[in-house]
Amino acid sequence: MKKVIILVLLLTTLTTGCFKRDKYELIVYPEAGDYTNHIFIGTYEDVNIARDTADEVLQKYPKGEYEIGKNLKRITSTGSRIYEETLE
């Protein structure tokens, strides 16, 4: 019985560690087209929640726009964030 429990725990640990969940970062630009002024809103595990949050935040900035970065790869020396993919 002990061997079965250990095997189940080992398999659970291995399989859950192998599946990487996507992370989505939401950035809002209060003025569309002005990419020097931005607000980092947060990180989400579901792109739809990030989009819903963007819609809520943009009520405060009706002339704004947003972008969602999928899976941050790195931050450059200038502070730019590089993503696997950028979504709107």
N, C-alpha and C. Protein backbone atom coordinates (compact mmCIF):
# COMPACT_ATOMS: atom_id res chain seq x y z
N MET A 1 0.82 -1.20 0.00
CA MET A 1 0.00 0.00 0.00
C MET A 1 0.87 1.26 0.00
N LYS A 2 1.97 1.24 0.79
CA LYS A 2 2.86 2.39 0.84
C LYS A 2 3.44 2.68 -0.53
N LYS A 3 3.80 1.63 -1.27
CA LYS A 3 4.39 1.81 -2.59
C LYS A 3 3.40 2.46 -3.55
N VAL A 4 2.14 2.10 -3.44
CA VAL A 4 1.11 2.67 -4.32
C VAL A 4 0.95 4.16 -4.01
N ILE A 5 0.91 4.53 -2.75
CA ILE A 5 0.76 5.93 -2.36
C ILE A 5 1.97 6.74 -2.84
N ILE A 6 3.15 6.20 -2.65
CA ILE A 6 4.36 6.90 -3.09
C ILE A 6 4.35 7.06 -4.61
N LEU A 7 3.94 6.03 -5.32
CA LEU A 7 3.88 6.09 -6.77
C LEU A 7 2.87 7.15 -7.24
N VAL A 8 1.71 7.20 -6.61
CA VAL A 8 0.70 8.19 -6.96
C VAL A 8 1.22 9.60 -6.69
N LEU A 9 1.84 9.81 -5.55
CA LEU A 9 2.40 11.13 -5.23
C LEU A 9 3.49 11.52 -6.22
N LEU A 10 4.34 10.59 -6.58
CA LEU A 10 5.40 10.86 -7.54
C LEU A 10 4.84 11.21 -8.91
N LEU A 11 3.88 10.45 -9.38
CA LEU A 11 3.26 10.73 -10.68
C LEU A 11 2.52 12.06 -10.67
N THR A 12 1.85 12.38 -9.59
CA THR A 12 1.14 13.66 -9.49
C THR A 12 2.13 14.82 -9.53
N THR A 13 3.21 14.69 -8.81
CA THR A 13 4.23 15.74 -8.80
C THR A 13 4.85 15.93 -10.18
N LEU A 14 5.16 14.85 -10.84
CA LEU A 14 5.78 14.93 -12.16
C LEU A 14 4.84 15.51 -13.21
N THR A 15 3.60 15.09 -13.20
CA THR A 15 2.68 15.55 -14.25
C THR A 15 2.22 16.98 -14.02
N THR A 16 2.02 17.40 -12.80
CA THR A 16 1.60 18.78 -12.57
C THR A 16 2.75 19.75 -12.82
N GLY A 17 3.96 19.32 -12.61
CA GLY A 17 5.10 20.17 -12.86
C GLY A 17 5.43 20.32 -14.34
N CYS A 18 4.93 19.43 -15.17
CA CYS A 18 5.24 19.45 -16.59
C CYS A 18 4.34 20.39 -17.38
N PHE A 19 3.21 20.74 -16.85
CA PHE A 19 2.27 21.58 -17.57
C PHE A 19 2.40 23.02 -17.11
N LYS A 20 2.96 23.85 -17.96
CA LYS A 20 3.15 25.27 -17.64
C LYS A 20 1.87 26.02 -17.96
N ARG A 21 1.40 26.78 -17.02
CA ARG A 21 0.21 27.61 -17.25
C ARG A 21 0.65 28.93 -17.86
N ASP A 22 -0.14 29.39 -18.82
CA ASP A 22 0.14 30.69 -19.42
C ASP A 22 -0.16 31.79 -18.41
N LYS A 23 0.61 32.85 -18.49
CA LYS A 23 0.40 34.04 -17.66
C LYS A 23 0.21 35.22 -18.59
N TYR A 24 -0.76 36.06 -18.28
CA TYR A 24 -1.10 37.20 -19.11
C TYR A 24 -0.95 38.48 -18.30
N GLU A 25 -0.15 39.41 -18.81
CA GLU A 25 0.04 40.69 -18.14
C GLU A 25 -0.75 41.77 -18.87
N LEU A 26 -1.49 42.54 -18.11
CA LEU A 26 -2.32 43.60 -18.68
C LEU A 26 -1.65 44.96 -18.49
N ILE A 27 -1.51 45.68 -19.59
CA ILE A 27 -0.95 47.03 -19.58
C ILE A 27 -1.96 47.95 -20.25
N VAL A 28 -2.28 49.05 -19.58
CA VAL A 28 -3.23 50.03 -20.11
C VAL A 28 -2.49 51.30 -20.46
N TYR A 29 -2.83 51.86 -21.62
CA TYR A 29 -2.31 53.15 -22.07
C TYR A 29 -3.46 54.15 -21.98
N PRO A 30 -3.42 55.10 -21.06
CA PRO A 30 -4.53 56.04 -20.87
C PRO A 30 -4.88 56.83 -22.13
N GLU A 31 -3.89 57.12 -22.96
CA GLU A 31 -4.11 57.82 -24.24
C GLU A 31 -3.67 56.89 -25.37
N ALA A 32 -4.60 56.50 -26.21
CA ALA A 32 -4.26 55.61 -27.32
C ALA A 32 -3.14 56.22 -28.16
N GLY A 33 -2.15 55.40 -28.47
CA GLY A 33 -1.03 55.83 -29.29
C GLY A 33 0.14 56.41 -28.51
N ASP A 34 -0.06 56.77 -27.25
CA ASP A 34 1.02 57.29 -26.41
C ASP A 34 1.56 56.14 -25.56
N TYR A 35 2.60 55.49 -26.08
CA TYR A 35 3.12 54.31 -25.40
C TYR A 35 4.17 54.64 -24.35
N THR A 36 4.45 55.94 -24.18
CA THR A 36 5.38 56.34 -23.11
C THR A 36 4.67 56.39 -21.77
N ASN A 37 3.36 56.54 -21.78
CA ASN A 37 2.55 56.59 -20.55
C ASN A 37 1.74 55.31 -20.46
N HIS A 38 2.09 54.46 -19.53
CA HIS A 38 1.37 53.19 -19.39
C HIS A 38 1.20 52.84 -17.91
N ILE A 39 0.22 51.98 -17.68
CA ILE A 39 -0.07 51.51 -16.33
C ILE A 39 -0.07 49.99 -16.35
N PHE A 40 0.81 49.39 -15.56
CA PHE A 40 0.81 47.93 -15.43
C PHE A 40 -0.30 47.57 -14.45
N ILE A 41 -1.30 46.84 -14.92
CA ILE A 41 -2.46 46.52 -14.09
C ILE A 41 -2.26 45.25 -13.28
N GLY A 42 -1.76 44.19 -13.91
CA GLY A 42 -1.57 42.95 -13.16
C GLY A 42 -1.33 41.75 -14.06
N THR A 43 -1.17 40.60 -13.42
CA THR A 43 -0.92 39.33 -14.10
C THR A 43 -2.09 38.41 -13.83
N TYR A 44 -2.50 37.70 -14.89
CA TYR A 44 -3.69 36.84 -14.82
C TYR A 44 -3.38 35.48 -15.44
N GLU A 45 -4.09 34.47 -15.00
CA GLU A 45 -3.93 33.13 -15.56
C GLU A 45 -4.94 32.85 -16.66
N ASP A 46 -5.87 33.77 -16.87
CA ASP A 46 -6.91 33.60 -17.89
C ASP A 46 -6.99 34.88 -18.71
N VAL A 47 -6.82 34.76 -20.02
CA VAL A 47 -6.82 35.93 -20.89
C VAL A 47 -8.17 36.65 -20.86
N ASN A 48 -9.25 35.92 -20.67
CA ASN A 48 -10.58 36.55 -20.63
C ASN A 48 -10.75 37.43 -19.40
N ILE A 49 -10.17 37.03 -18.29
CA ILE A 49 -10.22 37.87 -17.09
C ILE A 49 -9.39 39.14 -17.31
N ALA A 50 -8.25 39.00 -17.98
CA ALA A 50 -7.43 40.17 -18.30
C ALA A 50 -8.21 41.13 -19.20
N ARG A 51 -8.91 40.60 -20.19
CA ARG A 51 -9.71 41.46 -21.09
C ARG A 51 -10.86 42.13 -20.35
N ASP A 52 -11.53 41.39 -19.49
CA ASP A 52 -12.63 41.98 -18.71
C ASP A 52 -12.11 43.09 -17.81
N THR A 53 -10.96 42.86 -17.20
CA THR A 53 -10.35 43.88 -16.34
C THR A 53 -9.97 45.10 -17.17
N ALA A 54 -9.45 44.89 -18.37
CA ALA A 54 -9.10 46.00 -19.25
C ALA A 54 -10.33 46.84 -19.57
N ASP A 55 -11.44 46.19 -19.86
CA ASP A 55 -12.68 46.91 -20.15
C ASP A 55 -13.11 47.77 -18.96
N GLU A 56 -12.95 47.24 -17.76
CA GLU A 56 -13.31 47.99 -16.56
C GLU A 56 -12.39 49.20 -16.37
N VAL A 57 -11.09 48.99 -16.53
CA VAL A 57 -10.12 50.07 -16.34
C VAL A 57 -10.32 51.15 -17.40
N LEU A 58 -10.61 50.75 -18.62
CA LEU A 58 -10.77 51.72 -19.70
C LEU A 58 -12.01 52.60 -19.53
N GLN A 59 -12.91 52.25 -18.64
CA GLN A 59 -14.03 53.14 -18.33
C GLN A 59 -13.51 54.43 -17.71
N LYS A 60 -12.39 54.32 -17.01
CA LYS A 60 -11.75 55.49 -16.40
C LYS A 60 -10.93 56.27 -17.44
N TYR A 61 -10.48 55.59 -18.48
CA TYR A 61 -9.67 56.19 -19.54
C TYR A 61 -10.33 55.93 -20.90
N PRO A 62 -11.40 56.65 -21.21
CA PRO A 62 -12.16 56.37 -22.43
C PRO A 62 -11.37 56.57 -23.72
N LYS A 63 -10.28 57.31 -23.68
CA LYS A 63 -9.45 57.51 -24.88
C LYS A 63 -8.27 56.54 -24.90
N GLY A 64 -8.27 55.59 -24.00
CA GLY A 64 -7.14 54.69 -23.86
C GLY A 64 -7.27 53.41 -24.66
N GLU A 65 -6.24 52.61 -24.52
CA GLU A 65 -6.21 51.28 -25.13
C GLU A 65 -5.38 50.37 -24.23
N TYR A 66 -5.36 49.11 -24.56
CA TYR A 66 -4.62 48.16 -23.73
C TYR A 66 -3.93 47.13 -24.60
N GLU A 67 -3.00 46.42 -23.96
CA GLU A 67 -2.43 45.24 -24.58
C GLU A 67 -2.23 44.19 -23.50
N ILE A 68 -2.25 42.95 -23.93
CA ILE A 68 -2.04 41.84 -23.01
C ILE A 68 -0.83 41.07 -23.52
N GLY A 69 0.16 40.93 -22.66
CA GLY A 69 1.36 40.18 -23.01
C GLY A 69 1.25 38.77 -22.46
N LYS A 70 1.44 37.80 -23.33
CA LYS A 70 1.37 36.39 -22.93
C LYS A 70 2.77 35.87 -22.64
N ASN A 71 2.96 35.35 -21.45
CA ASN A 71 4.20 34.71 -21.02
C ASN A 71 5.43 35.60 -21.21
N LEU A 72 5.69 36.39 -20.20
CA LEU A 72 6.86 37.28 -20.20
C LEU A 72 8.13 36.47 -20.43
N LYS A 73 8.91 36.88 -21.43
CA LYS A 73 10.16 36.19 -21.73
C LYS A 73 11.34 36.87 -21.04
N ARG A 74 11.35 38.22 -21.12
CA ARG A 74 12.44 38.94 -20.46
C ARG A 74 12.10 40.43 -20.41
N ILE A 75 12.85 41.12 -19.58
CA ILE A 75 12.76 42.58 -19.49
C ILE A 75 14.10 43.12 -19.95
N THR A 76 14.07 44.01 -20.93
CA THR A 76 15.32 44.55 -21.48
C THR A 76 15.96 45.53 -20.50
N SER A 77 17.15 45.96 -20.84
CA SER A 77 17.87 46.92 -20.00
C SER A 77 17.16 48.27 -19.95
N THR A 78 16.32 48.56 -20.94
CA THR A 78 15.56 49.82 -20.95
C THR A 78 14.21 49.67 -20.25
N GLY A 79 13.89 48.46 -19.80
CA GLY A 79 12.64 48.24 -19.10
C GLY A 79 11.51 47.74 -19.98
N SER A 80 11.77 47.56 -21.27
CA SER A 80 10.74 47.02 -22.16
C SER A 80 10.49 45.56 -21.82
N ARG A 81 9.24 45.16 -21.90
CA ARG A 81 8.87 43.78 -21.59
C ARG A 81 8.67 43.02 -22.90
N ILE A 82 9.33 41.89 -23.04
CA ILE A 82 9.26 41.07 -24.24
C ILE A 82 8.43 39.83 -23.90
N TYR A 83 7.38 39.61 -24.72
CA TYR A 83 6.46 38.52 -24.47
C TYR A 83 6.52 37.46 -25.59
N GLU A 84 6.05 36.30 -25.26
CA GLU A 84 5.90 35.22 -26.25
C GLU A 84 4.92 35.68 -27.35
N GLU A 85 3.89 36.40 -26.92
CA GLU A 85 2.86 36.88 -27.85
C GLU A 85 2.19 38.09 -27.21
N THR A 86 1.77 39.03 -28.04
CA THR A 86 1.04 40.20 -27.55
C THR A 86 -0.36 40.16 -28.13
N LEU A 87 -1.35 40.32 -27.26
CA LEU A 87 -2.76 40.24 -27.65
C LEU A 87 -3.44 41.58 -27.42
N GLU A 88 -4.54 41.77 -28.11
CA GLU A 88 -5.36 42.98 -27.90
C GLU A 88 -6.73 42.57 -27.40
